[in-house]
Amino acid sequence: RYRPKTVITPDTRYIHRNVVFRPEDAKPYGGIVYFGRKILYKTASGAHTVINSAIVNDAGCDFSNITLDVFPRLGDTLDVMDHLSTYLYQDGFMPLVRANAHAAIPLEKGARLLEKIFEGKTGG
């Protein structure tokens, strides 16, 4: 549906309305567990990519802000994606995102696990 080289930087409102189905005034989805900000990009060759861009400044911490200030190296990142793409198969980056979702430890369980490890209460 989108032309090649289209960039979408979803804000909190978009994510709540179209991805996770939460009230628009809910706290930002992923605000305390995301490493970075999501960028959806259709490369010059037509491949779909989901980029997780590091939060490198205060503007990036505001999940409702989607100005270029949030993504200071966006042009460089998209150039890399256009050249790198994937050699495996169409949209081959998606399995990496799905694998990470299955391997990630939920925030609360992970925090409790780390507390037990550092307190020496692993029971093992």
PDB file of N, CA and C in Angstrom:
ATOM      1  N   ARG A   1       0.811  -1.186   0.000  1.00  0.00           N
ATOM      2  CA  ARG A   1       0.000   0.000   0.000  1.00  0.00           C
ATOM      3  C   ARG A   1       0.865   1.264   0.000  1.00  0.00           C
ATOM      4  N   TYR A   2       1.986   1.237   0.720  1.00  0.00           N
ATOM      5  CA  TYR A   2       2.870   2.401   0.777  1.00  0.00           C
ATOM      6  C   TYR A   2       3.954   2.301  -0.283  1.00  0.00           C
ATOM      7  N   ARG A   3       4.397   3.440  -0.746  1.00  0.00           N
ATOM      8  CA  ARG A   3       5.452   3.480  -1.751  1.00  0.00           C
ATOM      9  C   ARG A   3       6.802   3.177  -1.099  1.00  0.00           C
ATOM     10  N   PRO A   4       7.758   2.648  -1.875  1.00  0.00           N
ATOM     11  CA  PRO A   4       9.098   2.439  -1.320  1.00  0.00           C
ATOM     12  C   PRO A   4       9.662   3.743  -0.749  1.00  0.00           C
ATOM     13  N   LYS A   5      10.488   3.587   0.289  1.00  0.00           N
ATOM     14  CA  LYS A   5      11.129   4.682   1.011  1.00  0.00           C
ATOM     15  C   LYS A   5      10.140   5.464   1.882  1.00  0.00           C
ATOM     16  N   THR A   6       9.032   4.803   2.263  1.00  0.00           N
ATOM     17  CA  THR A   6       8.079   5.414   3.186  1.00  0.00           C
ATOM     18  C   THR A   6       8.514   5.119   4.614  1.00  0.00           C
ATOM     19  N   VAL A   7       8.490   6.145   5.464  1.00  0.00           N
ATOM     20  CA  VAL A   7       8.858   6.031   6.876  1.00  0.00           C
ATOM     21  C   VAL A   7       7.627   6.350   7.715  1.00  0.00           C
ATOM     22  N   ILE A   8       7.385   5.504   8.719  1.00  0.00           N
ATOM     23  CA  ILE A   8       6.313   5.775   9.679  1.00  0.00           C
ATOM     24  C   ILE A   8       6.940   5.706  11.067  1.00  0.00           C
ATOM     25  N   THR A   9       6.770   6.774  11.834  1.00  0.00           N
ATOM     26  CA  THR A   9       7.254   6.807  13.210  1.00  0.00           C
ATOM     27  C   THR A   9       6.026   6.900  14.110  1.00  0.00           C
ATOM     28  N   PRO A  10       5.533   5.766  14.577  1.00  0.00           N
ATOM     29  CA  PRO A  10       4.284   5.791  15.346  1.00  0.00           C
ATOM     30  C   PRO A  10       4.452   6.458  16.713  1.00  0.00           C
ATOM     31  N   ASP A  11       3.473   7.286  17.050  1.00  0.00           N
ATOM     32  CA  ASP A  11       3.475   7.902  18.377  1.00  0.00           C
ATOM     33  C   ASP A  11       2.605   7.062  19.315  1.00  0.00           C
ATOM     34  N   THR A  12       2.547   7.471  20.571  1.00  0.00           N
ATOM     35  CA  THR A  12       1.788   6.722  21.573  1.00  0.00           C
ATOM     36  C   THR A  12       0.322   6.567  21.156  1.00  0.00           C
ATOM     37  N   ARG A  13      -0.262   7.630  20.677  1.00  0.00           N
ATOM     38  CA  ARG A  13      -1.677   7.583  20.282  1.00  0.00           C
ATOM     39  C   ARG A  13      -1.913   6.526  19.201  1.00  0.00           C
ATOM     40  N   TYR A  14      -1.061   6.507  18.179  1.00  0.00           N
ATOM     41  CA  TYR A  14      -1.191   5.524  17.102  1.00  0.00           C
ATOM     42  C   TYR A  14      -1.043   4.100  17.641  1.00  0.00           C
ATOM     43  N   ILE A  15      -0.022   3.876  18.470  1.00  0.00           N
ATOM     44  CA  ILE A  15       0.223   2.535  19.010  1.00  0.00           C
ATOM     45  C   ILE A  15      -0.957   2.070  19.862  1.00  0.00           C
ATOM     46  N   HIS A  16      -1.476   2.949  20.697  1.00  0.00           N
ATOM     47  CA  HIS A  16      -2.612   2.571  21.545  1.00  0.00           C
ATOM     48  C   HIS A  16      -3.858   2.284  20.718  1.00  0.00           C
ATOM     49  N   ARG A  17      -4.072   3.041  19.661  1.00  0.00           N
ATOM     50  CA  ARG A  17      -5.274   2.878  18.842  1.00  0.00           C
ATOM     51  C   ARG A  17      -5.181   1.691  17.886  1.00  0.00           C
ATOM     52  N   ASN A  18      -3.994   1.414  17.345  1.00  0.00           N
ATOM     53  CA  ASN A  18      -3.885   0.441  16.260  1.00  0.00           C
ATOM     54  C   ASN A  18      -3.067  -0.813  16.550  1.00  0.00           C
ATOM     55  N   VAL A  19      -2.297  -0.823  17.640  1.00  0.00           N
ATOM     56  CA  VAL A  19      -1.419  -1.960  17.892  1.00  0.00           C
ATOM     57  C   VAL A  19      -1.811  -2.714  19.157  1.00  0.00           C
ATOM     58  N   VAL A  20      -1.912  -2.018  20.269  1.00  0.00           N
ATOM     59  CA  VAL A  20      -2.157  -2.700  21.551  1.00  0.00           C
ATOM     60  C   VAL A  20      -3.548  -2.458  22.114  1.00  0.00           C
ATOM     61  N   PHE A  21      -4.348  -1.625  21.467  1.00  0.00           N
ATOM     62  CA  PHE A  21      -5.743  -1.384  21.839  1.00  0.00           C
ATOM     63  C   PHE A  21      -5.895  -0.986  23.298  1.00  0.00           C
ATOM     64  N   ARG A  22      -5.269   0.114  23.657  1.00  0.00           N
ATOM     65  CA  ARG A  22      -5.350   0.680  25.001  1.00  0.00           C
ATOM     66  C   ARG A  22      -5.980   2.059  24.913  1.00  0.00           C
ATOM     67  N   PRO A  23      -6.510   2.567  26.020  1.00  0.00           N
ATOM     68  CA  PRO A  23      -7.038   3.944  26.003  1.00  0.00           C
ATOM     69  C   PRO A  23      -5.928   4.916  25.611  1.00  0.00           C
ATOM     70  N   GLU A  24      -6.296   5.952  24.886  1.00  0.00           N
ATOM     71  CA  GLU A  24      -5.291   6.898  24.408  1.00  0.00           C
ATOM     72  C   GLU A  24      -4.557   7.596  25.538  1.00  0.00           C
ATOM     73  N   ASP A  25      -5.188   7.728  26.707  1.00  0.00           N
ATOM     74  CA  ASP A  25      -4.543   8.419  27.818  1.00  0.00           C
ATOM     75  C   ASP A  25      -3.762   7.474  28.739  1.00  0.00           C
ATOM     76  N   ALA A  26      -3.663   6.204  28.367  1.00  0.00           N
ATOM     77  CA  ALA A  26      -2.866   5.255  29.159  1.00  0.00           C
ATOM     78  C   ALA A  26      -1.389   5.631  29.057  1.00  0.00           C
ATOM     79  N   LYS A  27      -0.605   5.196  30.057  1.00  0.00           N
ATOM     80  CA  LYS A  27       0.823   5.515  29.982  1.00  0.00           C
ATOM     81  C   LYS A  27       1.408   4.858  28.736  1.00  0.00           C
ATOM     82  N   PRO A  28       2.464   5.435  28.188  1.00  0.00           N
ATOM     83  CA  PRO A  28       3.009   4.947  26.916  1.00  0.00           C
ATOM     84  C   PRO A  28       3.359   3.462  26.948  1.00  0.00           C
ATOM     85  N   TYR A  29       2.883   2.728  25.961  1.00  0.00           N
ATOM     86  CA  TYR A  29       3.188   1.313  25.832  1.00  0.00           C
ATOM     87  C   TYR A  29       4.683   1.154  25.621  1.00  0.00           C
ATOM     88  N   GLY A  30       5.320   0.350  26.460  1.00  0.00           N
ATOM     89  CA  GLY A  30       6.746   0.107  26.330  1.00  0.00           C
ATOM     90  C   GLY A  30       7.628   1.189  26.913  1.00  0.00           C
ATOM     91  N   GLY A  31       7.033   2.201  27.543  1.00  0.00           N
ATOM     92  CA  GLY A  31       7.795   3.330  28.050  1.00  0.00           C
ATOM     93  C   GLY A  31       8.902   2.965  29.016  1.00  0.00           C
ATOM     94  N   ILE A  32       8.721   1.897  29.813  1.00  0.00           N
ATOM     95  CA  ILE A  32       9.765   1.537  30.777  1.00  0.00           C
ATOM     96  C   ILE A  32      10.549   0.292  30.368  1.00  0.00           C
ATOM     97  N   VAL A  33      10.157  -0.349  29.279  1.00  0.00           N
ATOM     98  CA  VAL A  33      10.868  -1.565  28.887  1.00  0.00           C
ATOM     99  C   VAL A  33      11.495  -1.491  27.497  1.00  0.00           C
ATOM    100  N   TYR A  34      11.138  -0.500  26.702  1.00  0.00           N
ATOM    101  CA  TYR A  34      11.713  -0.402  25.369  1.00  0.00           C
ATOM    102  C   TYR A  34      13.137   0.109  25.436  1.00  0.00           C
ATOM    103  N   PHE A  35      13.984  -0.462  24.619  1.00  0.00           N
ATOM    104  CA  PHE A  35      15.349   0.039  24.466  1.00  0.00           C
ATOM    105  C   PHE A  35      15.319   1.315  23.633  1.00  0.00           C
ATOM    106  N   GLY A  36      14.386   1.402  22.707  1.00  0.00           N
ATOM    107  CA  GLY A  36      14.361   2.541  21.799  1.00  0.00           C
ATOM    108  C   GLY A  36      12.999   2.797  21.212  1.00  0.00           C
ATOM    109  N   ARG A  37      12.988   3.539  20.135  1.00  0.00           N
ATOM    110  CA  ARG A  37      11.764   3.936  19.457  1.00  0.00           C
ATOM    111  C   ARG A  37      11.609   3.139  18.171  1.00  0.00           C
ATOM    112  N   LYS A  38      10.380   2.772  17.858  1.00  0.00           N
ATOM    113  CA  LYS A  38      10.096   1.988  16.658  1.00  0.00           C
ATOM    114  C   LYS A  38       9.976   2.900  15.439  1.00  0.00           C
ATOM    115  N   ILE A  39      10.510   2.413  14.343  1.00  0.00           N
ATOM    116  CA  ILE A  39      10.385   3.073  13.049  1.00  0.00           C
ATOM    117  C   ILE A  39       9.962   1.989  12.063  1.00  0.00           C
ATOM    118  N   LEU A  40       8.904   2.231  11.325  1.00  0.00           N
ATOM    119  CA  LEU A  40       8.462   1.311  10.283  1.00  0.00           C
ATOM    120  C   LEU A  40       8.949   1.889   8.962  1.00  0.00           C
ATOM    121  N   TYR A  41       9.592   1.065   8.154  1.00  0.00           N
ATOM    122  CA  TYR A  41      10.190   1.573   6.921  1.00  0.00           C
ATOM    123  C   TYR A  41      10.008   0.577   5.793  1.00  0.00           C
ATOM    124  N   LYS A  42       9.599   1.096   4.649  1.00  0.00           N
ATOM    125  CA  LYS A  42       9.556   0.293   3.427  1.00  0.00           C
ATOM    126  C   LYS A  42      10.771   0.709   2.607  1.00  0.00           C
ATOM    127  N   THR A  43      11.705  -0.208   2.459  1.00  0.00           N
ATOM    128  CA  THR A  43      12.981   0.109   1.811  1.00  0.00           C
ATOM    129  C   THR A  43      12.801   0.447   0.340  1.00  0.00           C
ATOM    130  N   ALA A  44      13.880   0.927  -0.257  1.00  0.00           N
ATOM    131  CA  ALA A  44      13.856   1.269  -1.677  1.00  0.00           C
ATOM    132  C   ALA A  44      13.492   0.062  -2.535  1.00  0.00           C
ATOM    133  N   SER A  45      13.854  -1.146  -2.064  1.00  0.00           N
ATOM    134  CA  SER A  45      13.544  -2.361  -2.825  1.00  0.00           C
ATOM    135  C   SER A  45      12.147  -2.906  -2.514  1.00  0.00           C
ATOM    136  N   GLY A  46      11.443  -2.280  -1.534  1.00  0.00           N
ATOM    137  CA  GLY A  46      10.089  -2.714  -1.203  1.00  0.00           C
ATOM    138  C   GLY A  46       9.989  -3.633   0.000  1.00  0.00           C
ATOM    139  N   ALA A  47      11.110  -3.951   0.653  1.00  0.00           N
ATOM    140  CA  ALA A  47      11.084  -4.803   1.843  1.00  0.00           C
ATOM    141  C   ALA A  47      10.554  -4.007   3.030  1.00  0.00           C
ATOM    142  N   HIS A  48       9.859  -4.684   3.923  1.00  0.00           N
ATOM    143  CA  HIS A  48       9.326  -4.036   5.128  1.00  0.00           C
ATOM    144  C   HIS A  48      10.289  -4.271   6.283  1.00  0.00           C
ATOM    145  N   THR A  49      10.599  -3.211   7.016  1.00  0.00           N
ATOM    146  CA  THR A  49      11.491  -3.349   8.159  1.00  0.00           C
ATOM    147  C   THR A  49      10.892  -2.644   9.373  1.00  0.00           C
ATOM    148  N   VAL A  50      11.199  -3.182  10.533  1.00  0.00           N
ATOM    149  CA  VAL A  50      10.881  -2.519  11.790  1.00  0.00           C
ATOM    150  C   VAL A  50      12.225  -2.234  12.450  1.00  0.00           C
ATOM    151  N   ILE A  51      12.493  -0.968  12.642  1.00  0.00           N
ATOM    152  CA  ILE A  51      13.772  -0.539  13.194  1.00  0.00           C
ATOM    153  C   ILE A  51      13.549  -0.114  14.638  1.00  0.00           C
ATOM    154  N   ASN A  52      14.414  -0.525  15.516  1.00  0.00           N
ATOM    155  CA  ASN A  52      14.368  -0.084  16.899  1.00  0.00           C
ATOM    156  C   ASN A  52      15.521   0.892  17.089  1.00  0.00           C
ATOM    157  N   SER A  53      15.205   2.184  17.085  1.00  0.00           N
ATOM    158  CA  SER A  53      16.211   3.229  17.160  1.00  0.00           C
ATOM    159  C   SER A  53      16.482   3.585  18.613  1.00  0.00           C
ATOM    160  N   ALA A  54      17.732   3.633  19.000  1.00  0.00           N
ATOM    161  CA  ALA A  54      18.094   3.965  20.379  1.00  0.00           C
ATOM    162  C   ALA A  54      17.591   5.353  20.760  1.00  0.00           C
ATOM    163  N   ILE A  55      17.219   5.496  22.026  1.00  0.00           N
ATOM    164  CA  ILE A  55      16.846   6.811  22.551  1.00  0.00           C
ATOM    165  C   ILE A  55      18.151   7.505  22.933  1.00  0.00           C
ATOM    166  N   VAL A  56      18.460   8.585  22.212  1.00  0.00           N
ATOM    167  CA  VAL A  56      19.760   9.233  22.395  1.00  0.00           C
ATOM    168  C   VAL A  56      19.661  10.644  22.964  1.00  0.00           C
ATOM    169  N   ASN A  57      18.439  11.121  23.206  1.00  0.00           N
ATOM    170  CA  ASN A  57      18.287  12.476  23.742  1.00  0.00           C
ATOM    171  C   ASN A  57      16.966  12.571  24.505  1.00  0.00           C
ATOM    172  N   ASP A  58      16.743  13.699  25.145  1.00  0.00           N
ATOM    173  CA  ASP A  58      15.528  13.887  25.939  1.00  0.00           C
ATOM    174  C   ASP A  58      14.265  13.845  25.078  1.00  0.00           C
ATOM    175  N   ALA A  59      14.355  14.315  23.842  1.00  0.00           N
ATOM    176  CA  ALA A  59      13.188  14.303  22.959  1.00  0.00           C
ATOM    177  C   ALA A  59      12.687  12.877  22.738  1.00  0.00           C
ATOM    178  N   GLY A  60      13.596  11.912  22.694  1.00  0.00           N
ATOM    179  CA  GLY A  60      13.225  10.516  22.475  1.00  0.00           C
ATOM    180  C   GLY A  60      12.477   9.893  23.625  1.00  0.00           C
ATOM    181  N   CYS A  61      12.580  10.475  24.799  1.00  0.00           N
ATOM    182  CA  CYS A  61      11.879   9.946  25.978  1.00  0.00           C
ATOM    183  C   CYS A  61      10.404  10.295  25.975  1.00  0.00           C
ATOM    184  N   ASP A  62      10.002  11.252  25.151  1.00  0.00           N
ATOM    185  CA  ASP A  62       8.598  11.638  25.024  1.00  0.00           C
ATOM    186  C   ASP A  62       7.981  10.831  23.888  1.00  0.00           C
ATOM    187  N   PHE A  63       7.227   9.779  24.230  1.00  0.00           N
ATOM    188  CA  PHE A  63       6.715   8.862  23.223  1.00  0.00           C
ATOM    189  C   PHE A  63       5.610   9.460  22.355  1.00  0.00           C
ATOM    190  N   SER A  64       5.153  10.661  22.700  1.00  0.00           N
ATOM    191  CA  SER A  64       4.179  11.336  21.837  1.00  0.00           C
ATOM    192  C   SER A  64       4.887  12.205  20.805  1.00  0.00           C
ATOM    193  N   ASN A  65       6.178  12.399  20.957  1.00  0.00           N
ATOM    194  CA  ASN A  65       6.977  13.232  20.057  1.00  0.00           C
ATOM    195  C   ASN A  65       7.514  12.377  18.910  1.00  0.00           C
ATOM    196  N   ILE A  66       7.188  12.765  17.693  1.00  0.00           N
ATOM    197  CA  ILE A  66       7.702  12.030  16.527  1.00  0.00           C
ATOM    198  C   ILE A  66       8.435  12.960  15.561  1.00  0.00           C
ATOM    199  N   THR A  67       8.925  14.088  16.073  1.00  0.00           N
ATOM    200  CA  THR A  67       9.669  15.016  15.235  1.00  0.00           C
ATOM    201  C   THR A  67      11.051  14.440  14.920  1.00  0.00           C
ATOM    202  N   LEU A  68      11.725  15.055  13.981  1.00  0.00           N
ATOM    203  CA  LEU A  68      13.065  14.586  13.608  1.00  0.00           C
ATOM    204  C   LEU A  68      14.059  14.710  14.750  1.00  0.00           C
ATOM    205  N   ASP A  69      13.773  15.563  15.746  1.00  0.00           N
ATOM    206  CA  ASP A  69      14.671  15.689  16.902  1.00  0.00           C
ATOM    207  C   ASP A  69      14.834  14.356  17.631  1.00  0.00           C
ATOM    208  N   VAL A  70      13.808  13.518  17.584  1.00  0.00           N
ATOM    209  CA  VAL A  70      13.830  12.218  18.261  1.00  0.00           C
ATOM    210  C   VAL A  70      14.790  11.258  17.558  1.00  0.00           C
ATOM    211  N   PHE A  71      14.930  11.419  16.258  1.00  0.00           N
ATOM    212  CA  PHE A  71      15.694  10.486  15.425  1.00  0.00           C
ATOM    213  C   PHE A  71      16.820  11.225  14.697  1.00  0.00           C
ATOM    214  N   PRO A  72      17.857  11.679  15.414  1.00  0.00           N
ATOM    215  CA  PRO A  72      18.883  12.499  14.774  1.00  0.00           C
ATOM    216  C   PRO A  72      19.682  11.782  13.682  1.00  0.00           C
ATOM    217  N   ARG A  73      19.738  10.465  13.710  1.00  0.00           N
ATOM    218  CA  ARG A  73      20.497   9.724  12.682  1.00  0.00           C
ATOM    219  C   ARG A  73      19.573   8.929  11.763  1.00  0.00           C
ATOM    220  N   LEU A  74      18.327   9.366  11.632  1.00  0.00           N
ATOM    221  CA  LEU A  74      17.347   8.631  10.839  1.00  0.00           C
ATOM    222  C   LEU A  74      17.792   8.435   9.394  1.00  0.00           C
ATOM    223  N   GLY A  75      18.292   9.482   8.775  1.00  0.00           N
ATOM    224  CA  GLY A  75      18.737   9.371   7.378  1.00  0.00           C
ATOM    225  C   GLY A  75      19.813   8.313   7.200  1.00  0.00           C
ATOM    226  N   ASP A  76      20.784   8.304   8.093  1.00  0.00           N
ATOM    227  CA  ASP A  76      21.859   7.304   8.028  1.00  0.00           C
ATOM    228  C   ASP A  76      21.304   5.899   8.222  1.00  0.00           C
ATOM    229  N   THR A  77      20.393   5.762   9.185  1.00  0.00           N
ATOM    230  CA  THR A  77      19.796   4.453   9.470  1.00  0.00           C
ATOM    231  C   THR A  77      19.049   3.919   8.255  1.00  0.00           C
ATOM    232  N   LEU A  78      18.262   4.782   7.618  1.00  0.00           N
ATOM    233  CA  LEU A  78      17.490   4.339   6.453  1.00  0.00           C
ATOM    234  C   LEU A  78      18.401   4.010   5.280  1.00  0.00           C
ATOM    235  N   ASP A  79      19.494   4.752   5.125  1.00  0.00           N
ATOM    236  CA  ASP A  79      20.462   4.428   4.070  1.00  0.00           C
ATOM    237  C   ASP A  79      21.044   3.027   4.279  1.00  0.00           C
ATOM    238  N   VAL A  80      21.368   2.714   5.536  1.00  0.00           N
ATOM    239  CA  VAL A  80      21.901   1.381   5.844  1.00  0.00           C
ATOM    240  C   VAL A  80      20.866   0.316   5.506  1.00  0.00           C
ATOM    241  N   MET A  81      19.614   0.557   5.883  1.00  0.00           N
ATOM    242  CA  MET A  81      18.564  -0.430   5.613  1.00  0.00           C
ATOM    243  C   MET A  81      18.368  -0.627   4.117  1.00  0.00           C
ATOM    244  N   ASP A  82      18.462   0.445   3.352  1.00  0.00           N
ATOM    245  CA  ASP A  82      18.321   0.324   1.897  1.00  0.00           C
ATOM    246  C   ASP A  82      19.442  -0.510   1.296  1.00  0.00           C
ATOM    247  N   HIS A  83      20.637  -0.412   1.856  1.00  0.00           N
ATOM    248  CA  HIS A  83      21.772  -1.174   1.331  1.00  0.00           C
ATOM    249  C   HIS A  83      21.854  -2.577   1.927  1.00  0.00           C
ATOM    250  N   LEU A  84      21.533  -2.700   3.195  1.00  0.00           N
ATOM    251  CA  LEU A  84      21.642  -3.988   3.879  1.00  0.00           C
ATOM    252  C   LEU A  84      20.477  -4.895   3.546  1.00  0.00           C
ATOM    253  N   SER A  85      19.288  -4.399   3.794  1.00  0.00           N
ATOM    254  CA  SER A  85      18.059  -5.172   3.595  1.00  0.00           C
ATOM    255  C   SER A  85      18.250  -6.561   4.180  1.00  0.00           C
ATOM    256  N   THR A  86      17.884  -7.583   3.459  1.00  0.00           N
ATOM    257  CA  THR A  86      18.088  -8.946   3.941  1.00  0.00           C
ATOM    258  C   THR A  86      18.446  -9.845   2.772  1.00  0.00           C
ATOM    259  N   TYR A  87      19.338 -10.759   3.024  1.00  0.00           N
ATOM    260  CA  TYR A  87      19.734 -11.694   1.982  1.00  0.00           C
ATOM    261  C   TYR A  87      19.027 -13.027   2.135  1.00  0.00           C
ATOM    262  N   LEU A  88      18.236 -13.176   3.201  1.00  0.00           N
ATOM    263  CA  LEU A  88      17.580 -14.456   3.442  1.00  0.00           C
ATOM    264  C   LEU A  88      16.315 -14.607   2.609  1.00  0.00           C
ATOM    265  N   TYR A  89      15.383 -13.716   2.820  1.00  0.00           N
ATOM    266  CA  TYR A  89      14.115 -13.746   2.102  1.00  0.00           C
ATOM    267  C   TYR A  89      13.374 -12.448   2.367  1.00  0.00           C
ATOM    268  N   GLN A  90      12.319 -12.218   1.627  1.00  0.00           N
ATOM    269  CA  GLN A  90      11.531 -10.987   1.768  1.00  0.00           C
ATOM    270  C   GLN A  90      11.137 -10.759   3.225  1.00  0.00           C
ATOM    271  N   ASP A  91      11.365  -9.573   3.715  1.00  0.00           N
ATOM    272  CA  ASP A  91      10.997  -9.174   5.078  1.00  0.00           C
ATOM    273  C   ASP A  91      11.651 -10.073   6.128  1.00  0.00           C
ATOM    274  N   GLY A  92      12.873 -10.482   5.910  1.00  0.00           N
ATOM    275  CA  GLY A  92      13.559 -11.422   6.783  1.00  0.00           C
ATOM    276  C   GLY A  92      13.907 -10.901   8.158  1.00  0.00           C
ATOM    277  N   PHE A  93      13.742  -9.607   8.424  1.00  0.00           N
ATOM    278  CA  PHE A  93      14.032  -9.091   9.751  1.00  0.00           C
ATOM    279  C   PHE A  93      12.953  -9.459  10.758  1.00  0.00           C
ATOM    280  N   MET A  94      11.753  -9.703  10.306  1.00  0.00           N
ATOM    281  CA  MET A  94      10.648  -9.961  11.215  1.00  0.00           C
ATOM    282  C   MET A  94      10.892 -11.144  12.152  1.00  0.00           C
ATOM    283  N   PRO A  95      11.474 -12.256  11.690  1.00  0.00           N
ATOM    284  CA  PRO A  95      11.733 -13.348  12.638  1.00  0.00           C
ATOM    285  C   PRO A  95      12.612 -12.938  13.808  1.00  0.00           C
ATOM    286  N   LEU A  96      13.511 -11.974  13.629  1.00  0.00           N
ATOM    287  CA  LEU A  96      14.338 -11.505  14.731  1.00  0.00           C
ATOM    288  C   LEU A  96      13.487 -10.815  15.791  1.00  0.00           C
ATOM    289  N   VAL A  97      12.535 -10.023  15.361  1.00  0.00           N
ATOM    290  CA  VAL A  97      11.647  -9.337  16.298  1.00  0.00           C
ATOM    291  C   VAL A  97      10.813 -10.360  17.053  1.00  0.00           C
ATOM    292  N   ARG A  98      10.280 -11.356  16.349  1.00  0.00           N
ATOM    293  CA  ARG A  98       9.444 -12.372  16.994  1.00  0.00           C
ATOM    294  C   ARG A  98      10.274 -13.227  17.948  1.00  0.00           C
ATOM    295  N   ALA A  99      11.489 -13.572  17.568  1.00  0.00           N
ATOM    296  CA  ALA A  99      12.335 -14.381  18.446  1.00  0.00           C
ATOM    297  C   ALA A  99      12.645 -13.615  19.724  1.00  0.00           C
ATOM    298  N   ASN A 100      12.932 -12.332  19.607  1.00  0.00           N
ATOM    299  CA  ASN A 100      13.208 -11.524  20.783  1.00  0.00           C
ATOM    300  C   ASN A 100      11.991 -11.460  21.705  1.00  0.00           C
ATOM    301  N   ALA A 101      10.802 -11.334  21.135  1.00  0.00           N
ATOM    302  CA  ALA A 101       9.583 -11.275  21.943  1.00  0.00           C
ATOM    303  C   ALA A 101       9.397 -12.562  22.743  1.00  0.00           C
ATOM    304  N   HIS A 102       9.754 -13.704  22.163  1.00  0.00           N
ATOM    305  CA  HIS A 102       9.599 -14.980  22.863  1.00  0.00           C
ATOM    306  C   HIS A 102      10.708 -15.218  23.884  1.00  0.00           C
ATOM    307  N   ALA A 103      11.868 -14.615  23.664  1.00  0.00           N
ATOM    308  CA  ALA A 103      13.002 -14.850  24.552  1.00  0.00           C
ATOM    309  C   ALA A 103      13.055 -13.850  25.709  1.00  0.00           C
ATOM    310  N   ALA A 104      12.356 -12.745  25.569  1.00  0.00           N
ATOM    311  CA  ALA A 104      12.423 -11.697  26.587  1.00  0.00           C
ATOM    312  C   ALA A 104      11.762 -12.148  27.890  1.00  0.00           C
ATOM    313  N   ILE A 105      12.338 -11.709  28.995  1.00  0.00           N
ATOM    314  CA  ILE A 105      11.776 -11.999  30.314  1.00  0.00           C
ATOM    315  C   ILE A 105      10.857 -10.844  30.681  1.00  0.00           C
ATOM    316  N   PRO A 106       9.609 -11.120  31.084  1.00  0.00           N
ATOM    317  CA  PRO A 106       8.703 -10.039  31.473  1.00  0.00           C
ATOM    318  C   PRO A 106       9.309  -9.179  32.581  1.00  0.00           C
ATOM    319  N   LEU A 107       8.997  -7.900  32.560  1.00  0.00           N
ATOM    320  CA  LEU A 107       9.627  -6.932  33.455  1.00  0.00           C
ATOM    321  C   LEU A 107       9.523  -7.323  34.926  1.00  0.00           C
ATOM    322  N   GLU A 108       8.344  -7.614  35.440  1.00  0.00           N
ATOM    323  CA  GLU A 108       8.192  -7.904  36.872  1.00  0.00           C
ATOM    324  C   GLU A 108       8.883  -9.210  37.259  1.00  0.00           C
ATOM    325  N   LYS A 109       8.708 -10.247  36.454  1.00  0.00           N
ATOM    326  CA  LYS A 109       9.384 -11.514  36.756  1.00  0.00           C
ATOM    327  C   LYS A 109      10.893 -11.346  36.687  1.00  0.00           C
ATOM    328  N   GLY A 110      11.363 -10.601  35.704  1.00  0.00           N
ATOM    329  CA  GLY A 110      12.795 -10.371  35.566  1.00  0.00           C
ATOM    330  C   GLY A 110      13.369  -9.617  36.753  1.00  0.00           C
ATOM    331  N   ALA A 111      12.627  -8.622  37.238  1.00  0.00           N
ATOM    332  CA  ALA A 111      13.083  -7.854  38.392  1.00  0.00           C
ATOM    333  C   ALA A 111      13.166  -8.739  39.634  1.00  0.00           C
ATOM    334  N   ARG A 112      12.144  -9.585  39.843  1.00  0.00           N
ATOM    335  CA  ARG A 112      12.167 -10.485  41.002  1.00  0.00           C
ATOM    336  C   ARG A 112      13.315 -11.484  40.890  1.00  0.00           C
ATOM    337  N   LEU A 113      13.546 -11.994  39.691  1.00  0.00           N
ATOM    338  CA  LEU A 113      14.633 -12.950  39.481  1.00  0.00           C
ATOM    339  C   LEU A 113      15.985 -12.304  39.800  1.00  0.00           C
ATOM    340  N   LEU A 114      16.192 -11.092  39.318  1.00  0.00           N
ATOM    341  CA  LEU A 114      17.461 -10.401  39.587  1.00  0.00           C
ATOM    342  C   LEU A 114      17.622 -10.114  41.078  1.00  0.00           C
ATOM    343  N   GLU A 115      16.530  -9.741  41.747  1.00  0.00           N
ATOM    344  CA  GLU A 115      16.610  -9.504  43.190  1.00  0.00           C
ATOM    345  C   GLU A 115      17.045 -10.773  43.918  1.00  0.00           C
ATOM    346  N   LYS A 116      16.476 -11.916  43.546  1.00  0.00           N
ATOM    347  CA  LYS A 116      16.841 -13.173  44.187  1.00  0.00           C
ATOM    348  C   LYS A 116      18.299 -13.532  43.923  1.00  0.00           C
ATOM    349  N   ILE A 117      18.744 -13.314  42.706  1.00  0.00           N
ATOM    350  CA  ILE A 117      20.135 -13.630  42.361  1.00  0.00           C
ATOM    351  C   ILE A 117      21.094 -12.785  43.189  1.00  0.00           C
ATOM    352  N   PHE A 118      20.828 -11.479  43.259  1.00  0.00           N
ATOM    353  CA  PHE A 118      21.735 -10.581  43.980  1.00  0.00           C
ATOM    354  C   PHE A 118      21.634 -10.749  45.493  1.00  0.00           C
ATOM    355  N   GLU A 119      20.528 -11.276  45.968  1.00  0.00           N
ATOM    356  CA  GLU A 119      20.392 -11.532  47.408  1.00  0.00           C
ATOM    357  C   GLU A 119      20.891 -12.918  47.763  1.00  0.00           C
ATOM    358  N   GLY A 120      21.295 -13.686  46.759  1.00  0.00           N
ATOM    359  CA  GLY A 120      21.797 -15.042  46.996  1.00  0.00           C
ATOM    360  C   GLY A 120      20.711 -16.042  47.362  1.00  0.00           C
ATOM    361  N   LYS A 121      19.492 -15.805  46.897  1.00  0.00           N
ATOM    362  CA  LYS A 121      18.369 -16.680  47.245  1.00  0.00           C
ATOM    363  C   LYS A 121      17.855 -17.427  46.008  1.00  0.00           C
ATOM    364  N   THR A 122      18.758 -18.032  45.290  1.00  0.00           N
ATOM    365  CA  THR A 122      18.331 -18.739  44.092  1.00  0.00           C
ATOM    366  C   THR A 122      17.795 -20.125  44.403  1.00  0.00           C
ATOM    367  N   GLY A 123      18.000 -20.614  45.588  1.00  0.00           N
ATOM    368  CA  GLY A 123      17.460 -21.914  45.986  1.00  0.00           C
ATOM    369  C   GLY A 123      18.144 -23.082  45.323  1.00  0.00           C
ATOM    370  N   GLY A 124      19.235 -22.823  44.636  1.00  0.00           N
ATOM    371  CA  GLY A 124      19.853 -23.892  43.889  1.00  0.00           C
ATOM    372  C   GLY A 124      21.065 -24.386  44.529  1.00  0.00           C
TER     373      GLY A 124
END
